[in-house]
Every structure is written in structure tokens, then in C-alpha cells.
Amino acid sequence: MFNDRNINDCDYCMSMYRQDQTLLNLITEAMKDEKHDTIKYKKMIGMTDKDKVRKQIEFAYKDEMKHYKMFQNIVYMLTGKKYDVPDPKVEEYKSLLPAVESSINGELEAVELYRKIFSMLRTMQMRDMLYEIITDEQEHATRFVYLYSMLK
């Protein structure tokens, strides 16, 4: 049942503990990134008066808030505890173009991190949530590439 290992086997238990701790550390990193991007995108929305630009950023902004809550739900499913991260420090930008450019890179880096998390999740429900988050992040990168070309 447990790969021919007795549940009382200390090596097996320690391995599972380390795996769970690594997973929780990665999710914490993801939550920090989501919270960071939420704050960043809200600032970016205030940097433009163009509706077409604002709508693209607002789309990502709303998704980032949703993703943060989804990660909180995953942590709760794993630990039975509610978890929150403090607001991170967010860099300041003098203009929108460099903020958009860094957002492209940030969204693509998030996809890589979330793939690692995805592979460590044990239930289909958690994997489905991560799949949604990953595809949203890919869409955000595409939207920011569009914005970058529009603003350039």
C-alpha cells in the first residue's frame, strides 16, 4: 500500500515530511509572488489613462487575487491551517513600459515555479487548481507582450 514500506518506517516518514515541507515552501514563494503582482498591477493601472491598456492590466490584477486565494485553499487542504503572507515590497517604476517588460518575465518565471508545485500535488482537485493558475499566467504573459508592443 505504501510502496511496500511500513508507515512506521522512519526513512519513509522523514521523506514524506521533507517533500511536504518543500512543497509548502514553494507554495509560500508562489503566494508572495501573487501578492507582489497584485500590488504591482494595481500601481500599473494607475500609471495609464488609456482604457485599452488598463483593461489588459486589470485582467491580470483580478486573476492574481484569485490565484492567491487558490494557493491559500491548497495550503489549507494540505495542512488544515489558514495561511497568509505579509505584503512584499514592490519596486517603483517611472513609466509603464519597464513595468510591463518585467511583468512578462515575472509571469513566465511563475509558470516554471508552478509546474514544480503541480508535480508535487497529490490530488486531482489541487492539480486542477494549479492547471488553471498556470494557464492564466501564460495568458498574462501573452497580454503583457501585446501591451509591450502597443506601448513601444
N, C-alpha and C. Protein backbone atom coordinates (compact mmCIF):
# COMPACT_ATOMS: atom_id res chain seq x y z
N MET A 1 0.82 -1.19 0.00
CA MET A 1 0.00 0.00 0.00
C MET A 1 0.86 1.25 0.00
N PHE A 2 1.91 1.33 0.76
CA PHE A 2 2.81 2.48 0.79
C PHE A 2 4.14 2.10 0.14
N ASN A 3 4.07 1.61 -1.10
CA ASN A 3 5.28 1.19 -1.81
C ASN A 3 6.07 0.16 -1.01
N ASP A 4 5.38 -0.80 -0.43
CA ASP A 4 5.99 -1.87 0.36
C ASP A 4 6.75 -1.34 1.58
N ARG A 5 6.43 -0.16 2.03
CA ARG A 5 7.07 0.40 3.22
C ARG A 5 6.05 0.44 4.34
N ASN A 6 6.50 0.14 5.50
CA ASN A 6 5.66 0.24 6.68
C ASN A 6 5.53 1.70 7.06
N ILE A 7 4.33 2.13 7.41
CA ILE A 7 4.09 3.53 7.76
C ILE A 7 4.97 3.96 8.94
N ASN A 8 5.40 3.03 9.74
CA ASN A 8 6.25 3.36 10.88
C ASN A 8 7.73 3.49 10.51
N ASP A 9 8.05 3.23 9.27
CA ASP A 9 9.43 3.32 8.82
C ASP A 9 9.87 4.79 8.84
N CYS A 10 10.85 5.11 9.66
CA CYS A 10 11.29 6.49 9.86
C CYS A 10 11.80 7.12 8.58
N ASP A 11 12.51 6.36 7.75
CA ASP A 11 13.01 6.92 6.49
C ASP A 11 11.85 7.36 5.60
N TYR A 12 10.82 6.54 5.53
CA TYR A 12 9.65 6.88 4.73
C TYR A 12 8.98 8.13 5.28
N CYS A 13 8.77 8.19 6.58
CA CYS A 13 8.11 9.35 7.22
C CYS A 13 8.93 10.62 7.02
N MET A 14 10.23 10.52 7.19
CA MET A 14 11.08 11.70 7.01
C MET A 14 11.08 12.16 5.55
N SER A 15 11.05 11.22 4.64
CA SER A 15 11.00 11.57 3.22
C SER A 15 9.70 12.32 2.90
N MET A 16 8.59 11.82 3.42
CA MET A 16 7.30 12.48 3.20
C MET A 16 7.29 13.86 3.85
N TYR A 17 7.86 13.98 5.04
CA TYR A 17 7.92 15.27 5.73
C TYR A 17 8.72 16.27 4.92
N ARG A 18 9.88 15.85 4.41
CA ARG A 18 10.72 16.75 3.61
C ARG A 18 10.01 17.16 2.33
N GLN A 19 9.32 16.22 1.71
CA GLN A 19 8.56 16.53 0.49
C GLN A 19 7.48 17.56 0.78
N ASP A 20 6.74 17.34 1.86
CA ASP A 20 5.67 18.27 2.23
C ASP A 20 6.23 19.64 2.56
N GLN A 21 7.36 19.67 3.27
CA GLN A 21 7.97 20.95 3.64
C GLN A 21 8.45 21.69 2.40
N THR A 22 9.04 20.97 1.46
CA THR A 22 9.48 21.58 0.21
C THR A 22 8.28 22.14 -0.55
N LEU A 23 7.22 21.38 -0.63
CA LEU A 23 6.00 21.83 -1.30
C LEU A 23 5.45 23.09 -0.64
N LEU A 24 5.36 23.10 0.67
CA LEU A 24 4.84 24.28 1.38
C LEU A 24 5.75 25.49 1.18
N ASN A 25 7.05 25.27 1.13
CA ASN A 25 7.98 26.38 0.87
C ASN A 25 7.77 26.96 -0.53
N LEU A 26 7.57 26.08 -1.51
CA LEU A 26 7.33 26.54 -2.87
C LEU A 26 5.99 27.29 -2.97
N ILE A 27 4.98 26.80 -2.29
CA ILE A 27 3.69 27.48 -2.30
C ILE A 27 3.79 28.83 -1.62
N THR A 28 4.56 28.92 -0.54
CA THR A 28 4.77 30.21 0.12
C THR A 28 5.42 31.19 -0.84
N GLU A 29 6.41 30.73 -1.58
CA GLU A 29 7.07 31.58 -2.59
C GLU A 29 6.05 32.03 -3.64
N ALA A 30 5.19 31.11 -4.07
CA ALA A 30 4.17 31.44 -5.05
C ALA A 30 3.19 32.48 -4.50
N MET A 31 2.80 32.33 -3.25
CA MET A 31 1.88 33.28 -2.63
C MET A 31 2.51 34.67 -2.55
N LYS A 32 3.79 34.72 -2.22
CA LYS A 32 4.50 36.02 -2.19
C LYS A 32 4.49 36.65 -3.58
N ASP A 33 4.75 35.83 -4.60
CA ASP A 33 4.75 36.35 -5.97
C ASP A 33 3.37 36.86 -6.37
N GLU A 34 2.33 36.12 -6.04
CA GLU A 34 0.97 36.54 -6.39
C GLU A 34 0.60 37.85 -5.69
N LYS A 35 0.95 37.95 -4.42
CA LYS A 35 0.64 39.16 -3.68
C LYS A 35 1.45 40.34 -4.24
N HIS A 36 2.72 40.10 -4.56
CA HIS A 36 3.57 41.13 -5.16
C HIS A 36 2.94 41.63 -6.46
N ASP A 37 2.54 40.70 -7.32
CA ASP A 37 1.99 41.10 -8.62
C ASP A 37 0.66 41.83 -8.47
N THR A 38 -0.14 41.44 -7.50
CA THR A 38 -1.39 42.15 -7.25
C THR A 38 -1.13 43.62 -6.94
N ILE A 39 -0.18 43.86 -6.05
CA ILE A 39 0.17 45.24 -5.68
C ILE A 39 0.79 45.97 -6.87
N LYS A 40 1.69 45.31 -7.57
CA LYS A 40 2.36 45.91 -8.73
C LYS A 40 1.35 46.29 -9.81
N TYR A 41 0.43 45.37 -10.12
CA TYR A 41 -0.52 45.63 -11.20
C TYR A 41 -1.49 46.74 -10.82
N LYS A 42 -1.83 46.83 -9.55
CA LYS A 42 -2.69 47.94 -9.12
C LYS A 42 -1.98 49.27 -9.36
N LYS A 43 -0.69 49.33 -9.05
CA LYS A 43 0.09 50.54 -9.33
C LYS A 43 0.14 50.82 -10.83
N MET A 44 0.32 49.77 -11.62
CA MET A 44 0.41 49.94 -13.07
C MET A 44 -0.90 50.47 -13.65
N ILE A 45 -2.01 50.03 -13.11
CA ILE A 45 -3.31 50.52 -13.58
C ILE A 45 -3.38 52.04 -13.40
N GLY A 46 -2.83 52.53 -12.31
CA GLY A 46 -2.83 53.97 -12.05
C GLY A 46 -1.84 54.75 -12.89
N MET A 47 -1.01 54.06 -13.66
CA MET A 47 0.01 54.73 -14.48
C MET A 47 -0.47 55.03 -15.89
N THR A 48 -1.70 54.68 -16.20
CA THR A 48 -2.20 54.92 -17.56
C THR A 48 -3.62 55.47 -17.53
N ASP A 49 -3.93 56.25 -18.54
CA ASP A 49 -5.30 56.73 -18.70
C ASP A 49 -5.95 56.13 -19.94
N LYS A 50 -5.25 55.19 -20.58
CA LYS A 50 -5.77 54.52 -21.77
C LYS A 50 -6.58 53.30 -21.36
N ASP A 51 -7.86 53.30 -21.71
CA ASP A 51 -8.75 52.19 -21.34
C ASP A 51 -8.26 50.84 -21.87
N LYS A 52 -7.77 50.83 -23.10
CA LYS A 52 -7.31 49.59 -23.72
C LYS A 52 -6.15 48.98 -22.92
N VAL A 53 -5.25 49.81 -22.46
CA VAL A 53 -4.11 49.36 -21.67
C VAL A 53 -4.58 48.94 -20.28
N ARG A 54 -5.38 49.76 -19.66
CA ARG A 54 -5.87 49.49 -18.31
C ARG A 54 -6.62 48.16 -18.24
N LYS A 55 -7.43 47.86 -19.23
CA LYS A 55 -8.22 46.61 -19.22
C LYS A 55 -7.32 45.38 -19.24
N GLN A 56 -6.22 45.45 -19.98
CA GLN A 56 -5.30 44.31 -20.03
C GLN A 56 -4.65 44.07 -18.67
N ILE A 57 -4.27 45.15 -18.02
CA ILE A 57 -3.62 45.03 -16.70
C ILE A 57 -4.64 44.60 -15.65
N GLU A 58 -5.85 45.16 -15.73
CA GLU A 58 -6.91 44.78 -14.76
C GLU A 58 -7.22 43.29 -14.85
N PHE A 59 -7.18 42.75 -16.05
CA PHE A 59 -7.44 41.32 -16.22
C PHE A 59 -6.45 40.51 -15.39
N ALA A 60 -5.16 40.83 -15.52
CA ALA A 60 -4.13 40.11 -14.76
C ALA A 60 -4.28 40.40 -13.26
N TYR A 61 -4.57 41.62 -12.90
CA TYR A 61 -4.73 42.03 -11.50
C TYR A 61 -5.79 41.16 -10.80
N LYS A 62 -6.94 41.02 -11.43
CA LYS A 62 -8.03 40.22 -10.84
C LYS A 62 -7.63 38.75 -10.72
N ASP A 63 -6.95 38.23 -11.73
CA ASP A 63 -6.51 36.83 -11.68
C ASP A 63 -5.50 36.61 -10.55
N GLU A 64 -4.59 37.56 -10.34
CA GLU A 64 -3.58 37.39 -9.29
C GLU A 64 -4.24 37.28 -7.92
N MET A 65 -5.28 38.07 -7.68
CA MET A 65 -6.02 37.96 -6.41
C MET A 65 -6.67 36.59 -6.28
N LYS A 66 -7.23 36.11 -7.39
CA LYS A 66 -7.86 34.78 -7.41
C LYS A 66 -6.82 33.70 -7.14
N HIS A 67 -5.65 33.81 -7.75
CA HIS A 67 -4.59 32.81 -7.56
C HIS A 67 -4.13 32.76 -6.11
N TYR A 68 -4.00 33.91 -5.50
CA TYR A 68 -3.56 33.95 -4.10
C TYR A 68 -4.54 33.16 -3.22
N LYS A 69 -5.82 33.37 -3.45
CA LYS A 69 -6.84 32.64 -2.68
C LYS A 69 -6.80 31.15 -2.98
N MET A 70 -6.51 30.80 -4.21
CA MET A 70 -6.42 29.38 -4.57
C MET A 70 -5.23 28.73 -3.86
N PHE A 71 -4.11 29.43 -3.80
CA PHE A 71 -2.96 28.89 -3.07
C PHE A 71 -3.27 28.78 -1.58
N GLN A 72 -4.00 29.75 -1.04
CA GLN A 72 -4.41 29.64 0.37
C GLN A 72 -5.26 28.39 0.57
N ASN A 73 -6.15 28.11 -0.37
CA ASN A 73 -7.00 26.91 -0.27
C ASN A 73 -6.16 25.64 -0.33
N ILE A 74 -5.15 25.62 -1.18
CA ILE A 74 -4.29 24.44 -1.29
C ILE A 74 -3.53 24.23 0.01
N VAL A 75 -3.00 25.30 0.59
CA VAL A 75 -2.30 25.18 1.88
C VAL A 75 -3.26 24.63 2.93
N TYR A 76 -4.49 25.12 2.93
CA TYR A 76 -5.47 24.64 3.91
C TYR A 76 -5.75 23.15 3.69
N MET A 77 -5.86 22.73 2.44
CA MET A 77 -6.10 21.31 2.15
C MET A 77 -4.93 20.45 2.61
N LEU A 78 -3.72 20.99 2.51
CA LEU A 78 -2.53 20.23 2.90
C LEU A 78 -2.30 20.20 4.41
N THR A 79 -2.64 21.31 5.08
CA THR A 79 -2.25 21.45 6.49
C THR A 79 -3.42 21.57 7.46
N GLY A 80 -4.60 21.93 6.94
CA GLY A 80 -5.72 22.19 7.81
C GLY A 80 -5.63 23.55 8.50
N LYS A 81 -4.68 24.38 8.04
CA LYS A 81 -4.48 25.70 8.65
C LYS A 81 -4.58 26.78 7.59
N LYS A 82 -5.10 27.95 8.03
CA LYS A 82 -5.13 29.11 7.14
C LYS A 82 -3.75 29.74 7.15
N TYR A 83 -3.36 30.28 6.01
CA TYR A 83 -2.03 30.85 5.90
C TYR A 83 -2.09 32.10 5.04
N ASP A 84 -1.33 33.12 5.47
CA ASP A 84 -1.27 34.39 4.75
C ASP A 84 0.18 34.85 4.76
N VAL A 85 0.59 35.56 3.73
CA VAL A 85 1.93 36.12 3.70
C VAL A 85 1.82 37.64 3.81
N PRO A 86 2.83 38.27 4.40
CA PRO A 86 2.79 39.74 4.51
C PRO A 86 2.95 40.39 3.14
N ASP A 87 2.51 41.63 3.04
CA ASP A 87 2.68 42.37 1.79
C ASP A 87 4.16 42.57 1.50
N PRO A 88 4.60 42.18 0.31
CA PRO A 88 6.01 42.36 -0.03
C PRO A 88 6.28 43.79 -0.50
N LYS A 89 7.54 44.13 -0.50
CA LYS A 89 7.95 45.42 -1.06
C LYS A 89 7.89 45.30 -2.58
N VAL A 90 7.32 46.31 -3.21
CA VAL A 90 7.16 46.30 -4.67
C VAL A 90 7.97 47.45 -5.26
N GLU A 91 8.74 47.13 -6.28
CA GLU A 91 9.58 48.11 -6.93
C GLU A 91 8.73 49.23 -7.55
N GLU A 92 9.34 50.40 -7.67
CA GLU A 92 8.69 51.55 -8.29
C GLU A 92 9.19 51.69 -9.72
N TYR A 93 8.30 52.11 -10.60
CA TYR A 93 8.65 52.34 -11.99
C TYR A 93 8.28 53.78 -12.36
N LYS A 94 9.14 54.41 -13.16
CA LYS A 94 8.88 55.79 -13.59
C LYS A 94 7.93 55.84 -14.78
N SER A 95 7.89 54.72 -15.51
CA SER A 95 6.98 54.65 -16.65
C SER A 95 6.44 53.22 -16.77
N LEU A 96 5.42 53.09 -17.57
CA LEU A 96 4.72 51.81 -17.69
C LEU A 96 5.51 50.76 -18.46
N LEU A 97 6.26 51.16 -19.48
CA LEU A 97 6.94 50.20 -20.34
C LEU A 97 7.88 49.26 -19.58
N PRO A 98 8.77 49.76 -18.70
CA PRO A 98 9.63 48.82 -17.96
C PRO A 98 8.84 47.92 -17.00
N ALA A 99 7.74 48.42 -16.47
CA ALA A 99 6.89 47.61 -15.60
C ALA A 99 6.26 46.47 -16.39
N VAL A 100 5.82 46.77 -17.59
CA VAL A 100 5.23 45.74 -18.46
C VAL A 100 6.30 44.71 -18.84
N GLU A 101 7.48 45.19 -19.18
CA GLU A 101 8.56 44.28 -19.57
C GLU A 101 8.92 43.33 -18.42
N SER A 102 9.03 43.87 -17.22
CA SER A 102 9.37 42.99 -16.07
C SER A 102 8.21 42.04 -15.76
N SER A 103 7.00 42.46 -16.07
CA SER A 103 5.84 41.59 -15.85
C SER A 103 5.84 40.38 -16.78
N ILE A 104 6.31 40.58 -18.00
CA ILE A 104 6.41 39.45 -18.94
C ILE A 104 7.33 38.40 -18.33
N ASN A 105 8.50 38.83 -17.89
CA ASN A 105 9.46 37.89 -17.29
C ASN A 105 8.90 37.26 -16.02
N GLY A 106 8.25 38.06 -15.20
CA GLY A 106 7.68 37.55 -13.95
C GLY A 106 6.63 36.48 -14.18
N GLU A 107 5.78 36.70 -15.15
CA GLU A 107 4.72 35.73 -15.44
C GLU A 107 5.31 34.42 -15.95
N LEU A 108 6.33 34.51 -16.80
CA LEU A 108 6.96 33.29 -17.32
C LEU A 108 7.72 32.54 -16.23
N GLU A 109 8.37 33.26 -15.33
CA GLU A 109 9.05 32.62 -14.20
C GLU A 109 8.04 31.94 -13.28
N ALA A 110 6.89 32.56 -13.11
CA ALA A 110 5.84 31.97 -12.27
C ALA A 110 5.40 30.63 -12.85
N VAL A 111 5.26 30.55 -14.16
CA VAL A 111 4.84 29.30 -14.80
C VAL A 111 5.83 28.19 -14.45
N GLU A 112 7.11 28.48 -14.49
CA GLU A 112 8.12 27.47 -14.15
C GLU A 112 7.99 27.01 -12.71
N LEU A 113 7.83 27.95 -11.79
CA LEU A 113 7.65 27.60 -10.38
C LEU A 113 6.39 26.76 -10.18
N TYR A 114 5.31 27.15 -10.83
CA TYR A 114 4.03 26.47 -10.63
C TYR A 114 4.04 25.07 -11.23
N ARG A 115 4.84 24.84 -12.25
CA ARG A 115 4.99 23.48 -12.78
C ARG A 115 5.63 22.56 -11.75
N LYS A 116 6.62 23.08 -11.02
CA LYS A 116 7.24 22.30 -9.95
C LYS A 116 6.20 21.95 -8.89
N ILE A 117 5.42 22.95 -8.49
CA ILE A 117 4.39 22.73 -7.48
C ILE A 117 3.38 21.70 -7.99
N PHE A 118 2.95 21.86 -9.23
CA PHE A 118 1.97 20.96 -9.83
C PHE A 118 2.42 19.50 -9.70
N SER A 119 3.68 19.25 -9.99
CA SER A 119 4.18 17.87 -9.99
C SER A 119 4.22 17.27 -8.58
N MET A 120 4.15 18.09 -7.56
CA MET A 120 4.23 17.61 -6.18
C MET A 120 2.86 17.43 -5.52
N LEU A 121 1.82 17.91 -6.17
CA LEU A 121 0.48 17.82 -5.58
C LEU A 121 -0.09 16.42 -5.73
N ARG A 122 -0.84 16.00 -4.71
CA ARG A 122 -1.30 14.61 -4.65
C ARG A 122 -2.72 14.39 -5.14
N THR A 123 -3.54 15.45 -5.14
CA THR A 123 -4.93 15.21 -5.53
C THR A 123 -5.25 15.92 -6.84
N MET A 124 -6.21 15.38 -7.53
CA MET A 124 -6.65 15.97 -8.79
C MET A 124 -7.24 17.36 -8.56
N GLN A 125 -7.93 17.56 -7.46
CA GLN A 125 -8.52 18.86 -7.17
C GLN A 125 -7.44 19.95 -7.08
N MET A 126 -6.35 19.65 -6.36
CA MET A 126 -5.26 20.61 -6.24
C MET A 126 -4.56 20.81 -7.59
N ARG A 127 -4.37 19.73 -8.32
CA ARG A 127 -3.73 19.83 -9.64
C ARG A 127 -4.59 20.64 -10.61
N ASP A 128 -5.90 20.47 -10.53
CA ASP A 128 -6.79 21.25 -11.39
C ASP A 128 -6.66 22.75 -11.08
N MET A 129 -6.54 23.09 -9.80
CA MET A 129 -6.36 24.49 -9.44
C MET A 129 -5.05 25.02 -10.00
N LEU A 130 -3.98 24.24 -9.89
CA LEU A 130 -2.68 24.68 -10.40
C LEU A 130 -2.71 24.79 -11.91
N TYR A 131 -3.41 23.88 -12.56
CA TYR A 131 -3.52 23.95 -14.02
C TYR A 131 -4.18 25.26 -14.43
N GLU A 132 -5.23 25.64 -13.73
CA GLU A 132 -5.91 26.91 -14.02
C GLU A 132 -4.97 28.09 -13.80
N ILE A 133 -4.23 28.06 -12.71
CA ILE A 133 -3.29 29.15 -12.41
C ILE A 133 -2.21 29.22 -13.49
N ILE A 134 -1.66 28.08 -13.87
CA ILE A 134 -0.59 28.06 -14.89
C ILE A 134 -1.10 28.63 -16.21
N THR A 135 -2.26 28.21 -16.64
CA THR A 135 -2.77 28.71 -17.92
C THR A 135 -3.11 30.20 -17.84
N ASP A 136 -3.58 30.66 -16.69
CA ASP A 136 -3.81 32.10 -16.51
C ASP A 136 -2.51 32.87 -16.62
N GLU A 137 -1.45 32.37 -15.99
CA GLU A 137 -0.16 33.06 -16.02
C GLU A 137 0.38 33.11 -17.45
N GLN A 138 0.19 32.06 -18.21
CA GLN A 138 0.62 32.06 -19.60
C GLN A 138 -0.16 33.11 -20.40
N GLU A 139 -1.45 33.21 -20.10
CA GLU A 139 -2.26 34.24 -20.76
C GLU A 139 -1.80 35.64 -20.38
N HIS A 140 -1.45 35.84 -19.11
CA HIS A 140 -0.95 37.14 -18.67
C HIS A 140 0.32 37.52 -19.44
N ALA A 141 1.23 36.57 -19.58
CA ALA A 141 2.47 36.84 -20.33
C ALA A 141 2.13 37.28 -21.75
N THR A 142 1.19 36.62 -22.37
CA THR A 142 0.77 36.97 -23.73
C THR A 142 0.17 38.38 -23.76
N ARG A 143 -0.68 38.68 -22.79
CA ARG A 143 -1.29 40.02 -22.73
C ARG A 143 -0.22 41.10 -22.52
N PHE A 144 0.77 40.82 -21.68
CA PHE A 144 1.82 41.80 -21.44
C PHE A 144 2.72 41.97 -22.66
N VAL A 145 2.95 40.89 -23.42
CA VAL A 145 3.70 41.03 -24.67
C VAL A 145 2.92 41.94 -25.63
N TYR A 146 1.61 41.75 -25.69
CA TYR A 146 0.76 42.61 -26.51
C TYR A 146 0.87 44.07 -26.05
N LEU A 147 0.79 44.29 -24.74
CA LEU A 147 0.91 45.65 -24.20
C LEU A 147 2.29 46.25 -24.51
N TYR A 148 3.31 45.45 -24.37
CA TYR A 148 4.66 45.93 -24.64
C TYR A 148 4.77 46.41 -26.09
N SER A 149 4.25 45.62 -27.01
CA SER A 149 4.31 46.01 -28.43
C SER A 149 3.44 47.25 -28.69
N MET A 150 2.36 47.38 -27.99
CA MET A 150 1.47 48.53 -28.15
C MET A 150 2.14 49.81 -27.62
N LEU A 151 2.87 49.69 -26.51
CA LEU A 151 3.48 50.86 -25.88
C LEU A 151 4.83 51.23 -26.49
N LYS A 152 5.47 50.32 -27.14
CA LYS A 152 6.84 50.54 -27.68
C LYS A 152 6.84 51.54 -28.81
